[in-house]
Protein backbone atom coordinates (compact mmCIF):
# COMPACT_ATOMS: atom_id res chain seq x y z
CA UNK A 1 -58.15 -8.21 6.85
CA UNK A 2 -55.68 -7.56 3.87
CA UNK A 3 -52.79 -7.32 6.40
CA UNK A 4 -53.45 -10.72 8.21
CA UNK A 5 -52.16 -12.36 5.17
CA UNK A 6 -49.25 -10.58 5.29
CA UNK A 7 -48.64 -10.58 8.43
CA UNK A 8 -48.69 -14.85 8.42
CA UNK A 9 -46.21 -14.50 5.16
CA UNK A 10 -43.73 -11.53 6.94
CA UNK A 11 -43.07 -13.83 10.25
CA UNK A 12 -40.46 -15.86 7.85
CA UNK A 13 -37.72 -14.47 6.38
CA UNK A 14 -36.93 -17.04 4.28
CA UNK A 15 -40.07 -17.24 2.45
CA UNK A 16 -39.11 -13.82 0.84
CA UNK A 17 -35.60 -15.47 -0.10
CA UNK A 18 -37.27 -17.79 -2.33
CA UNK A 19 -36.99 -17.65 -5.88
CA UNK A 20 -39.66 -16.21 -8.32
CA UNK A 21 -42.18 -18.49 -9.38
CA UNK A 22 -41.12 -21.00 -12.54
CA UNK A 23 -40.30 -19.17 -15.77
CA UNK A 24 -39.98 -15.71 -14.06
CA UNK A 25 -36.34 -14.07 -13.60
CA UNK A 26 -37.48 -12.10 -10.13
CA UNK A 27 -40.83 -11.00 -8.56
CA UNK A 28 -43.18 -8.17 -9.34
CA UNK A 29 -45.92 -6.52 -8.17
CA UNK A 30 -48.41 -8.32 -10.24
CA UNK A 31 -46.86 -11.64 -9.55
CA UNK A 32 -46.71 -11.65 -5.61
CA UNK A 33 -50.45 -10.61 -5.94
CA UNK A 34 -51.14 -13.95 -8.38
CA UNK A 35 -48.55 -15.91 -5.74
CA UNK A 36 -50.93 -14.97 -2.84
CA UNK A 37 -53.88 -15.70 -4.75
CA UNK A 38 -52.62 -19.52 -6.16
CA UNK A 39 -51.08 -20.36 -2.71
CA UNK A 40 -54.39 -19.98 -0.57
CA UNK A 41 -53.21 -16.64 1.55
CA UNK A 42 -56.05 -14.36 -0.01
CA UNK A 43 -59.39 -15.11 -1.73
CA UNK A 44 -58.66 -12.04 -3.96
CA UNK A 45 -55.93 -9.29 -3.91
CA UNK A 46 -55.40 -6.52 -6.04
CA UNK A 47 -52.27 -5.02 -7.68
CA UNK A 48 -52.58 -1.59 -5.74
CA UNK A 49 -52.92 -3.53 -2.21
CA UNK A 50 -49.63 -5.46 -2.84
CA UNK A 51 -47.79 -2.35 -3.57
CA UNK A 52 -49.23 -0.41 -0.70
CA UNK A 53 -48.17 -3.26 1.62
CA UNK A 54 -44.61 -3.83 0.01
CA UNK A 55 -44.25 -0.22 0.36
CA UNK A 56 -45.64 0.03 4.18
CA UNK A 57 -43.12 -2.66 4.96
CA UNK A 58 -39.78 -1.06 2.76
CA UNK A 59 -39.82 -4.32 0.90
CA UNK A 60 -38.02 -4.90 -2.85
CA UNK A 61 -38.36 -8.28 -3.41
CA UNK A 62 -37.61 -7.78 -6.88
CA UNK A 63 -34.35 -5.67 -6.49
CA UNK A 64 -30.93 -7.61 -5.59
CA UNK A 65 -27.59 -6.53 -4.73
CA UNK A 66 -24.08 -8.03 -5.61
CA UNK A 67 -22.69 -8.16 -1.99
CA UNK A 68 -22.08 -11.48 -0.17
CA UNK A 69 -20.66 -12.12 3.21
CA UNK A 70 -21.15 -15.79 3.79
CA UNK A 71 -19.26 -16.33 7.04
CA UNK A 72 -18.79 -13.59 9.84
CA UNK A 73 -16.16 -15.41 11.84
CA UNK A 74 -12.76 -14.37 13.59
CA UNK A 75 -10.77 -14.69 10.36
CA UNK A 76 -13.06 -12.69 8.35
CA UNK A 77 -13.45 -9.80 10.87
CA UNK A 78 -9.35 -10.15 11.52
CA UNK A 79 -8.81 -9.55 8.02
CA UNK A 80 -11.50 -6.83 7.54
CA UNK A 81 -10.37 -4.72 10.53
CA UNK A 82 -6.55 -5.22 8.85
CA UNK A 83 -7.18 -3.48 6.11
CA UNK A 84 -9.13 -0.68 7.64
CA UNK A 85 -6.61 -0.12 10.07
CA UNK A 86 -4.40 0.13 7.17
CA UNK A 87 -7.02 2.36 5.59
CA UNK A 88 -7.33 4.70 8.70
CA UNK A 89 -3.45 5.43 8.79
CA UNK A 90 -2.08 8.58 7.64
CA UNK A 91 -0.38 9.59 4.77
CA UNK A 92 3.61 7.96 5.24
CA UNK A 93 5.84 8.27 2.04
CA UNK A 94 8.18 6.03 3.85
CA UNK A 95 5.39 3.69 4.17
CA UNK A 96 3.08 4.03 1.20
CA UNK A 97 -0.68 2.41 0.92
CA UNK A 98 -1.01 0.73 -2.03
CA UNK A 99 -4.27 -1.12 -3.21
CA UNK A 100 -3.61 -3.43 -6.29
CA UNK A 101 -6.14 -5.47 -8.51
CA UNK A 102 -6.69 -6.35 -11.80
CA UNK A 103 -9.15 -6.90 -14.58
CA UNK A 104 -10.13 -8.78 -17.60
CA UNK A 105 -10.82 -6.75 -20.73
CA UNK A 106 -12.25 -8.41 -24.00
CA UNK A 107 -10.50 -6.80 -27.67
CA UNK A 108 -12.84 -5.83 -29.88
CA UNK A 109 -13.11 -4.47 -33.22
CA UNK A 110 -15.39 -2.69 -35.67
CA UNK A 111 -16.95 -4.28 -38.18
CA UNK A 112 -18.06 -1.17 -39.88
CA UNK A 113 -16.77 2.30 -38.85
CA UNK A 114 -18.75 4.51 -36.27
CA UNK A 115 -20.93 7.54 -37.75
CA UNK A 116 -19.64 10.89 -35.85
CA UNK A 117 -22.68 13.15 -34.71
CA UNK A 118 -23.58 16.00 -36.67
CA UNK A 119 -26.53 19.00 -36.03
CA UNK A 120 -29.75 16.99 -35.21
CA UNK A 121 -28.20 13.41 -35.37
CA UNK A 122 -26.73 11.56 -32.82
CA UNK A 123 -23.49 9.43 -33.27
CA UNK A 124 -24.24 5.95 -34.85
CA UNK A 125 -22.16 2.27 -34.21
CA UNK A 126 -23.05 -1.02 -35.03
CA UNK A 127 -23.68 -3.33 -32.83
CA UNK A 128 -21.80 -6.07 -34.28
CA UNK A 129 -18.26 -6.87 -33.73
CA UNK A 130 -15.55 -8.90 -34.22
CA UNK A 131 -13.91 -10.53 -30.92
CA UNK A 132 -9.82 -9.92 -30.59
CA UNK A 133 -9.10 -11.79 -28.16
CA UNK A 134 -9.04 -10.55 -23.93
CA UNK A 135 -6.33 -8.68 -22.75
CA UNK A 136 -5.97 -8.34 -18.49
CA UNK A 137 -5.47 -4.99 -16.95
CA UNK A 138 -3.04 -4.95 -13.52
CA UNK A 139 -4.25 -1.98 -11.36
CA UNK A 140 -2.61 -0.08 -8.62
CA UNK A 141 -3.18 3.15 -6.69
CA UNK A 142 -2.57 5.03 -3.68
CA UNK A 143 -5.22 6.16 -2.61
CA UNK A 144 -4.41 9.40 -0.18
CA UNK A 145 -1.25 10.52 -2.36
CA UNK A 146 -3.11 10.24 -5.49
CA UNK A 147 -0.75 7.57 -7.51
CA UNK A 148 -1.97 5.68 -9.83
CA UNK A 149 -0.57 2.44 -12.17
CA UNK A 150 -2.28 1.01 -14.97
CA UNK A 151 -0.75 -1.88 -17.22
CA UNK A 152 -2.37 -3.78 -20.05
CA UNK A 153 -0.79 -7.83 -20.51
CA UNK A 154 -2.19 -10.04 -22.69
CA UNK A 155 -2.85 -12.32 -20.08
CA UNK A 156 -3.06 -12.06 -15.96
CA UNK A 157 -0.77 -15.28 -15.25
CA UNK A 158 1.61 -15.14 -12.50
CA UNK A 159 4.57 -14.05 -14.52
CA UNK A 160 2.37 -10.71 -15.65
CA UNK A 161 1.38 -10.44 -11.71
CA UNK A 162 5.14 -10.79 -10.56
CA UNK A 163 6.12 -7.70 -13.31
CA UNK A 164 3.40 -5.54 -12.17
CA UNK A 165 4.51 -5.69 -8.38
CA UNK A 166 7.99 -5.53 -9.72
CA UNK A 167 6.83 -2.17 -11.73
CA UNK A 168 4.74 -1.25 -8.42
CA UNK A 169 7.98 -1.56 -6.03
CA UNK A 170 9.89 0.23 -8.71
CA UNK A 171 8.04 3.52 -8.12
CA UNK A 172 9.25 3.53 -4.44
CA UNK A 173 13.16 2.98 -4.79
CA UNK A 174 13.61 4.51 -1.12
CA UNK A 175 10.28 3.40 1.34
CA UNK A 176 10.74 1.22 3.95
CA UNK A 177 7.98 -1.01 3.34
CA UNK A 178 5.36 -0.76 1.07
CA UNK A 179 1.69 -1.78 2.52
CA UNK A 180 -0.25 -4.09 -0.17
CA UNK A 181 -4.09 -4.42 -0.12
CA UNK A 182 -4.68 -7.95 -2.47
CA UNK A 183 -7.22 -10.60 -3.00
CA UNK A 184 -7.23 -14.14 -2.24
CA UNK A 185 -6.66 -14.63 -6.03
CA UNK A 186 -4.30 -17.56 -6.29
CA UNK A 187 -1.46 -16.44 -8.48
CA UNK A 188 -1.06 -13.71 -5.40
CA UNK A 189 1.83 -14.86 -3.39
CA UNK A 190 5.68 -15.09 -3.50
CA UNK A 191 5.58 -18.34 -5.41
CA UNK A 192 4.92 -16.47 -8.47
CA UNK A 193 7.90 -13.86 -7.93
CA UNK A 194 10.37 -16.63 -7.43
CA UNK A 195 9.43 -18.55 -10.66
CA UNK A 196 9.64 -15.27 -12.31
CA UNK A 197 12.53 -13.70 -10.98
CA UNK A 198 14.35 -16.71 -9.46
CA UNK A 199 14.06 -17.81 -5.47
CA UNK A 200 16.38 -15.08 -4.41
CA UNK A 201 15.14 -12.25 -5.83
CA UNK A 202 11.82 -13.27 -6.44
CA UNK A 203 11.85 -12.93 -2.28
CA UNK A 204 13.76 -10.12 -1.77
CA UNK A 205 11.21 -8.06 -3.64
CA UNK A 206 8.63 -9.89 -1.99
CA UNK A 207 9.78 -8.74 1.51
CA UNK A 208 9.38 -5.25 0.24
CA UNK A 209 5.66 -5.21 0.21
CA UNK A 210 3.98 -5.84 3.58
CA UNK A 211 0.75 -7.71 2.35
CA UNK A 212 -3.00 -7.18 3.45
CA UNK A 213 -5.11 -9.96 2.34
CA UNK A 214 -8.90 -8.54 2.08
CA UNK A 215 -11.49 -11.40 3.82
CA UNK A 216 -12.68 -13.79 1.27
CA UNK A 217 -15.43 -12.94 -0.67
CA UNK A 218 -14.28 -9.18 0.73
CA UNK A 219 -12.53 -7.96 -2.40
CA UNK A 220 -15.13 -5.12 -2.40
CA UNK A 221 -12.84 -3.39 0.36
CA UNK A 222 -9.83 -3.33 -1.78
CA UNK A 223 -9.80 0.27 -2.89
CA UNK A 224 -8.11 -0.64 -6.13
CA UNK A 225 -11.83 -2.26 -7.03
CA UNK A 226 -12.74 1.90 -7.12
CA UNK A 227 -9.56 2.37 -9.50
CA UNK A 228 -10.75 -0.42 -11.68
CA UNK A 229 -14.55 1.64 -12.12
CA UNK A 230 -13.17 4.92 -12.73
CA UNK A 231 -11.00 3.93 -15.41
CA UNK A 232 -13.73 1.14 -16.90
CA UNK A 233 -16.13 4.61 -16.95
CA UNK A 234 -13.47 6.92 -18.07
CA UNK A 235 -11.06 5.61 -19.91
CA UNK A 236 -12.72 2.63 -21.70
CA UNK A 237 -16.50 3.53 -21.73
CA UNK A 238 -18.43 1.44 -24.03
CA UNK A 239 -15.51 1.81 -26.72
CA UNK A 240 -14.06 -1.23 -29.04
CA UNK A 241 -10.17 -1.30 -28.60
CA UNK A 242 -8.86 -3.96 -31.12
CA UNK A 243 -5.25 -4.77 -29.52
CA UNK A 244 -3.50 -4.81 -26.81
CA UNK A 245 -0.89 -2.15 -28.43
CA UNK A 246 -4.63 0.23 -28.20
CA UNK A 247 -5.19 -0.82 -24.89
CA UNK A 248 -1.81 -0.24 -23.40
CA UNK A 249 -1.56 3.25 -25.08
CA UNK A 250 -5.26 4.36 -24.17
CA UNK A 251 -4.99 3.40 -20.20
CA UNK A 252 -1.50 4.83 -20.17
CA UNK A 253 -3.03 8.11 -21.22
CA UNK A 254 -5.60 7.98 -18.74
CA UNK A 255 -2.88 7.29 -15.71
CA UNK A 256 -1.15 9.93 -17.13
CA UNK A 257 -4.08 12.74 -16.85
CA UNK A 258 -5.22 10.68 -13.20
CA UNK A 259 -1.48 11.20 -11.99
CA UNK A 260 -1.29 14.85 -12.99
CA UNK A 261 -4.92 15.40 -11.57
CA UNK A 262 -3.96 13.37 -8.09
CA UNK A 263 -6.86 11.64 -7.64
CA UNK A 264 -7.69 10.67 -4.67
CA UNK A 265 -9.97 8.12 -2.87
CA UNK A 266 -12.02 9.45 0.39
CA UNK A 267 -12.54 6.39 1.91
CA UNK A 268 -15.70 6.25 4.59
CA UNK A 269 -16.00 2.86 5.85
CA UNK A 270 -14.03 2.07 9.31
CA UNK A 271 -13.60 0.10 12.09
CA UNK A 272 -16.11 0.96 14.17
CA UNK A 273 -19.04 1.49 11.20
CA UNK A 274 -17.84 -2.14 10.42
CA UNK A 275 -18.56 -3.20 14.33
CA UNK A 276 -22.42 -1.12 13.85
CA UNK A 277 -22.71 -2.74 10.58
CA UNK A 278 -21.90 -6.47 11.57
CA UNK A 279 -22.94 -6.01 15.38
CA UNK A 280 -20.07 -7.38 17.15
CA UNK A 281 -17.61 -6.34 19.56
CA UNK A 282 -13.76 -6.30 20.04
CA UNK A 283 -11.35 -7.50 20.88
CA UNK A 284 -12.84 -11.13 21.08
CA UNK A 285 -15.72 -10.71 18.50
CA UNK A 286 -18.89 -11.87 20.45
CA UNK A 287 -22.11 -10.85 18.63
CA UNK A 288 -24.03 -8.03 20.24
CA UNK A 289 -27.49 -9.00 18.38
CA UNK A 290 -28.85 -11.34 15.66
């Protein structure tokens, strides 16, 4: 009998997509039991019964993932497969594959100095801080070669983007073409280079790159996000960096270490896996399942 109300509720996927009760951030086992009684699906149900049913049907309504594919259309698939095909190419020094992204950073200063660790006591730090403004980190990585680029800047305006892109191009003076994976930020355009360096010089610099834009709402396919995550965990952590100069010094030291170690990214998401995951067939992108 206890399965009856459960089967009735699980016939509609949309019912489980609803937010929790007003005033509650997420579903819990107790809240689901209370809601089932309140809506009249069952006269009485215990917390353990709900827990077993959720476990049996492999449901975790209290969990959410920050992953979104709003519309899987032909343009989305075309851009996705273009980037994935790019990542599958063998290493070629004449045509390097570079992923580029950026990340804002808040500059913070200690109110009082942190106390270092000593025998029998952990390190201690004050939770209060002075806000010293914001900065931006431009990050690039050549995943298969293990080359890393980090540049700290006061902003992420188009001029700063153009200068960072020029630094990336200067690293490959003899490359035939630099394949660049970018997201769809408005500053990621040839116009940014034209404004900073002039029309002729900007276009000449932009032509050195073969740009591969990730799908809209699909920037997780840019391996530079892995680079940024690595930088955030290994270099920045929970430390407080008060000035742009200090931020530049710290990130430059991490970049030199990463280049010395030649840290590479092992990308495993391929075109066949994408087709199996999203359920479409090439080349006309016909759907193979709902």
